[in-house]
């Protein structure tokens, strides 16, 4: 019988390991953080942040004041039509009473 020599067990392991360790997708490198700000720049940033917060707070407050003023004017404008609406309803009720009285008089005159 002829014997055929096989590859060594270690050679098979090496070949399978190298195939599985090769990346299938290219690996992207992470962007490195650069620290260029020195101490003075950092101090300036800390000073600017409270000023920005104060400015934002002031603008928010002014917008709120404007909104409250608009609400008050709308309430006043809404109250005026309600008054005129109630007055109109009263006048209409009086006219209907007069109309029914006049209709009864006309019927009496025709009879």
C-alpha atoms as a PDB file:
ATOM      1  CA  UNK A   1       0.000   0.000   0.000  1.00  0.00           C
ATOM      2  CA  UNK A   2       1.172   3.384  -0.814  1.00  0.00           C
ATOM      3  CA  UNK A   3       1.257   5.855   2.000  1.00  0.00           C
ATOM      4  CA  UNK A   4       0.541   9.422   1.330  1.00  0.00           C
ATOM      5  CA  UNK A   5       2.014  12.024   3.655  1.00  0.00           C
ATOM      6  CA  UNK A   6      -0.374  14.552   5.046  1.00  0.00           C
ATOM      7  CA  UNK A   7       0.396  18.080   6.059  1.00  0.00           C
ATOM      8  CA  UNK A   8       1.190  18.490   9.696  1.00  0.00           C
ATOM      9  CA  UNK A   9      -1.576  19.432  12.117  1.00  0.00           C
ATOM     10  CA  UNK A  10       0.180  22.676  13.008  1.00  0.00           C
ATOM     11  CA  UNK A  11       0.403  23.752   9.359  1.00  0.00           C
ATOM     12  CA  UNK A  12      -3.360  23.315   9.009  1.00  0.00           C
ATOM     13  CA  UNK A  13      -3.958  25.419  12.128  1.00  0.00           C
ATOM     14  CA  UNK A  14      -1.725  28.214  10.875  1.00  0.00           C
ATOM     15  CA  UNK A  15      -3.428  28.344   7.490  1.00  0.00           C
ATOM     16  CA  UNK A  16      -6.917  28.550   9.033  1.00  0.00           C
ATOM     17  CA  UNK A  17      -5.845  31.191  11.549  1.00  0.00           C
ATOM     18  CA  UNK A  18      -4.345  33.485   8.951  1.00  0.00           C
ATOM     19  CA  UNK A  19      -7.433  33.276   6.761  1.00  0.00           C
ATOM     20  CA  UNK A  20      -9.815  34.115   9.594  1.00  0.00           C
ATOM     21  CA  UNK A  21      -7.721  36.967  10.983  1.00  0.00           C
ATOM     22  CA  UNK A  22      -7.645  39.002   7.814  1.00  0.00           C
ATOM     23  CA  UNK A  23     -10.215  41.795   7.986  1.00  0.00           C
ATOM     24  CA  UNK A  24     -13.063  41.666   5.529  1.00  0.00           C
ATOM     25  CA  UNK A  25     -13.769  45.395   5.722  1.00  0.00           C
ATOM     26  CA  UNK A  26     -11.139  48.100   5.915  1.00  0.00           C
ATOM     27  CA  UNK A  27     -10.798  49.380   9.458  1.00  0.00           C
ATOM     28  CA  UNK A  28     -11.220  53.128   9.792  1.00  0.00           C
ATOM     29  CA  UNK A  29      -8.893  54.851  12.162  1.00  0.00           C
ATOM     30  CA  UNK A  30     -10.394  56.859  14.987  1.00  0.00           C
ATOM     31  CA  UNK A  31      -9.973  60.595  14.770  1.00  0.00           C
ATOM     32  CA  UNK A  32      -7.546  61.771  17.370  1.00  0.00           C
ATOM     33  CA  UNK A  33      -8.594  64.577  19.641  1.00  0.00           C
ATOM     34  CA  UNK A  34      -6.356  67.573  19.387  1.00  0.00           C
ATOM     35  CA  UNK A  35      -5.963  69.800  22.379  1.00  0.00           C
ATOM     36  CA  UNK A  36      -4.781  73.152  21.125  1.00  0.00           C
ATOM     37  CA  UNK A  37      -6.460  75.327  23.708  1.00  0.00           C
ATOM     38  CA  UNK A  38      -4.119  76.659  26.278  1.00  0.00           C
ATOM     39  CA  UNK A  39      -5.103  77.849  29.724  1.00  0.00           C
ATOM     40  CA  UNK A  40      -6.009  81.387  28.569  1.00  0.00           C
ATOM     41  CA  UNK A  41      -8.329  80.069  25.880  1.00  0.00           C
ATOM     42  CA  UNK A  42     -10.045  77.817  28.393  1.00  0.00           C
ATOM     43  CA  UNK A  43     -10.485  80.741  30.792  1.00  0.00           C
ATOM     44  CA  UNK A  44     -12.013  82.812  27.988  1.00  0.00           C
ATOM     45  CA  UNK A  45     -14.427  80.005  27.200  1.00  0.00           C
ATOM     46  CA  UNK A  46     -15.521  79.846  30.834  1.00  0.00           C
ATOM     47  CA  UNK A  47     -16.126  83.612  30.813  1.00  0.00           C
ATOM     48  CA  UNK A  48     -18.060  83.529  27.538  1.00  0.00           C
ATOM     49  CA  UNK A  49     -20.406  80.735  28.578  1.00  0.00           C
ATOM     50  CA  UNK A  50     -22.051  82.648  31.459  1.00  0.00           C
ATOM     51  CA  UNK A  51     -22.402  85.705  29.216  1.00  0.00           C
ATOM     52  CA  UNK A  52     -24.104  83.582  26.565  1.00  0.00           C
ATOM     53  CA  UNK A  53     -26.411  82.082  29.175  1.00  0.00           C
ATOM     54  CA  UNK A  54     -27.267  85.549  30.488  1.00  0.00           C
ATOM     55  CA  UNK A  55     -27.993  86.792  26.969  1.00  0.00           C
ATOM     56  CA  UNK A  56     -30.222  83.805  26.256  1.00  0.00           C
ATOM     57  CA  UNK A  57     -32.034  84.325  29.558  1.00  0.00           C
ATOM     58  CA  UNK A  58     -32.636  88.007  28.749  1.00  0.00           C
ATOM     59  CA  UNK A  59     -34.002  87.194  25.294  1.00  0.00           C
ATOM     60  CA  UNK A  60     -36.290  84.525  26.728  1.00  0.00           C
ATOM     61  CA  UNK A  61     -37.577  86.954  29.346  1.00  0.00           C
ATOM     62  CA  UNK A  62     -38.243  89.649  26.736  1.00  0.00           C
ATOM     63  CA  UNK A  63     -40.113  87.147  24.571  1.00  0.00           C
ATOM     64  CA  UNK A  64     -42.189  86.043  27.561  1.00  0.00           C
ATOM     65  CA  UNK A  65     -43.062  89.649  28.379  1.00  0.00           C
ATOM     66  CA  UNK A  66     -44.132  90.188  24.778  1.00  0.00           C
ATOM     67  CA  UNK A  67     -46.257  87.038  24.868  1.00  0.00           C
ATOM     68  CA  UNK A  68     -47.943  88.099  28.123  1.00  0.00           C
ATOM     69  CA  UNK A  69     -48.679  91.531  26.652  1.00  0.00           C
ATOM     70  CA  UNK A  70     -50.215  89.900  23.573  1.00  0.00           C
ATOM     71  CA  UNK A  71     -52.380  87.668  25.756  1.00  0.00           C
ATOM     72  CA  UNK A  72     -53.646  90.685  27.711  1.00  0.00           C
ATOM     73  CA  UNK A  73     -54.526  92.616  24.554  1.00  0.00           C
ATOM     74  CA  UNK A  74     -56.314  89.590  23.116  1.00  0.00           C
ATOM     75  CA  UNK A  75     -58.323  89.222  26.323  1.00  0.00           C
ATOM     76  CA  UNK A  76     -59.357  92.889  26.141  1.00  0.00           C
ATOM     77  CA  UNK A  77     -60.276  92.592  22.465  1.00  0.00           C
ATOM     78  CA  UNK A  78     -62.274  89.455  23.195  1.00  0.00           C
ATOM     79  CA  UNK A  79     -64.194  91.133  26.039  1.00  0.00           C
ATOM     80  CA  UNK A  80     -65.501  93.936  23.773  1.00  0.00           C
ATOM     81  CA  UNK A  81     -67.357  91.645  21.332  1.00  0.00           C
ATOM     82  CA  UNK A  82     -68.893  89.776  24.264  1.00  0.00           C
ATOM     83  CA  UNK A  83     -70.363  93.053  25.574  1.00  0.00           C
ATOM     84  CA  UNK A  84     -71.722  94.032  22.182  1.00  0.00           C
ATOM     85  CA  UNK A  85     -73.038  90.497  21.688  1.00  0.00           C
ATOM     86  CA  UNK A  86     -74.988  90.606  24.956  1.00  0.00           C
ATOM     87  CA  UNK A  87     -76.350  94.084  24.085  1.00  0.00           C
ATOM     88  CA  UNK A  88     -77.447  92.804  20.680  1.00  0.00           C
ATOM     89  CA  UNK A  89     -79.239  89.854  22.274  1.00  0.00           C
ATOM     90  CA  UNK A  90     -81.099  92.215  24.645  1.00  0.00           C
ATOM     91  CA  UNK A  91     -82.167  94.450  21.741  1.00  0.00           C
ATOM     92  CA  UNK A  92     -83.309  91.417  19.778  1.00  0.00           C
ATOM     93  CA  UNK A  93     -85.418  90.213  22.711  1.00  0.00           C
ATOM     94  CA  UNK A  94     -87.064  93.683  22.988  1.00  0.00           C
ATOM     95  CA  UNK A  95     -87.768  93.787  19.253  1.00  0.00           C
ATOM     96  CA  UNK A  96     -89.326  90.311  19.377  1.00  0.00           C
ATOM     97  CA  UNK A  97     -91.575  91.401  22.267  1.00  0.00           C
ATOM     98  CA  UNK A  98     -92.636  94.503  20.335  1.00  0.00           C
ATOM     99  CA  UNK A  99     -93.219  92.403  17.242  1.00  0.00           C
ATOM    100  CA  UNK A 100     -95.490  89.991  19.068  1.00  0.00           C
ATOM    101  CA  UNK A 101     -97.391  92.934  20.644  1.00  0.00           C
ATOM    102  CA  UNK A 102     -97.824  94.601  17.257  1.00  0.00           C
ATOM    103  CA  UNK A 103     -98.965  91.324  15.667  1.00  0.00           C
ATOM    104  CA  UNK A 104    -101.616  90.918  18.357  1.00  0.00           C
ATOM    105  CA  UNK A 105    -102.810  94.528  17.763  1.00  0.00           C
ATOM    106  CA  UNK A 106    -102.987  93.948  14.011  1.00  0.00           C
ATOM    107  CA  UNK A 107    -105.046  90.814  14.582  1.00  0.00           C
ATOM    108  CA  UNK A 108    -107.363  92.777  16.937  1.00  0.00           C
ATOM    109  CA  UNK A 109    -107.782  95.530  14.340  1.00  0.00           C
ATOM    110  CA  UNK A 110    -108.566  93.047  11.581  1.00  0.00           C
ATOM    111  CA  UNK A 111    -111.202  91.353  13.700  1.00  0.00           C
END
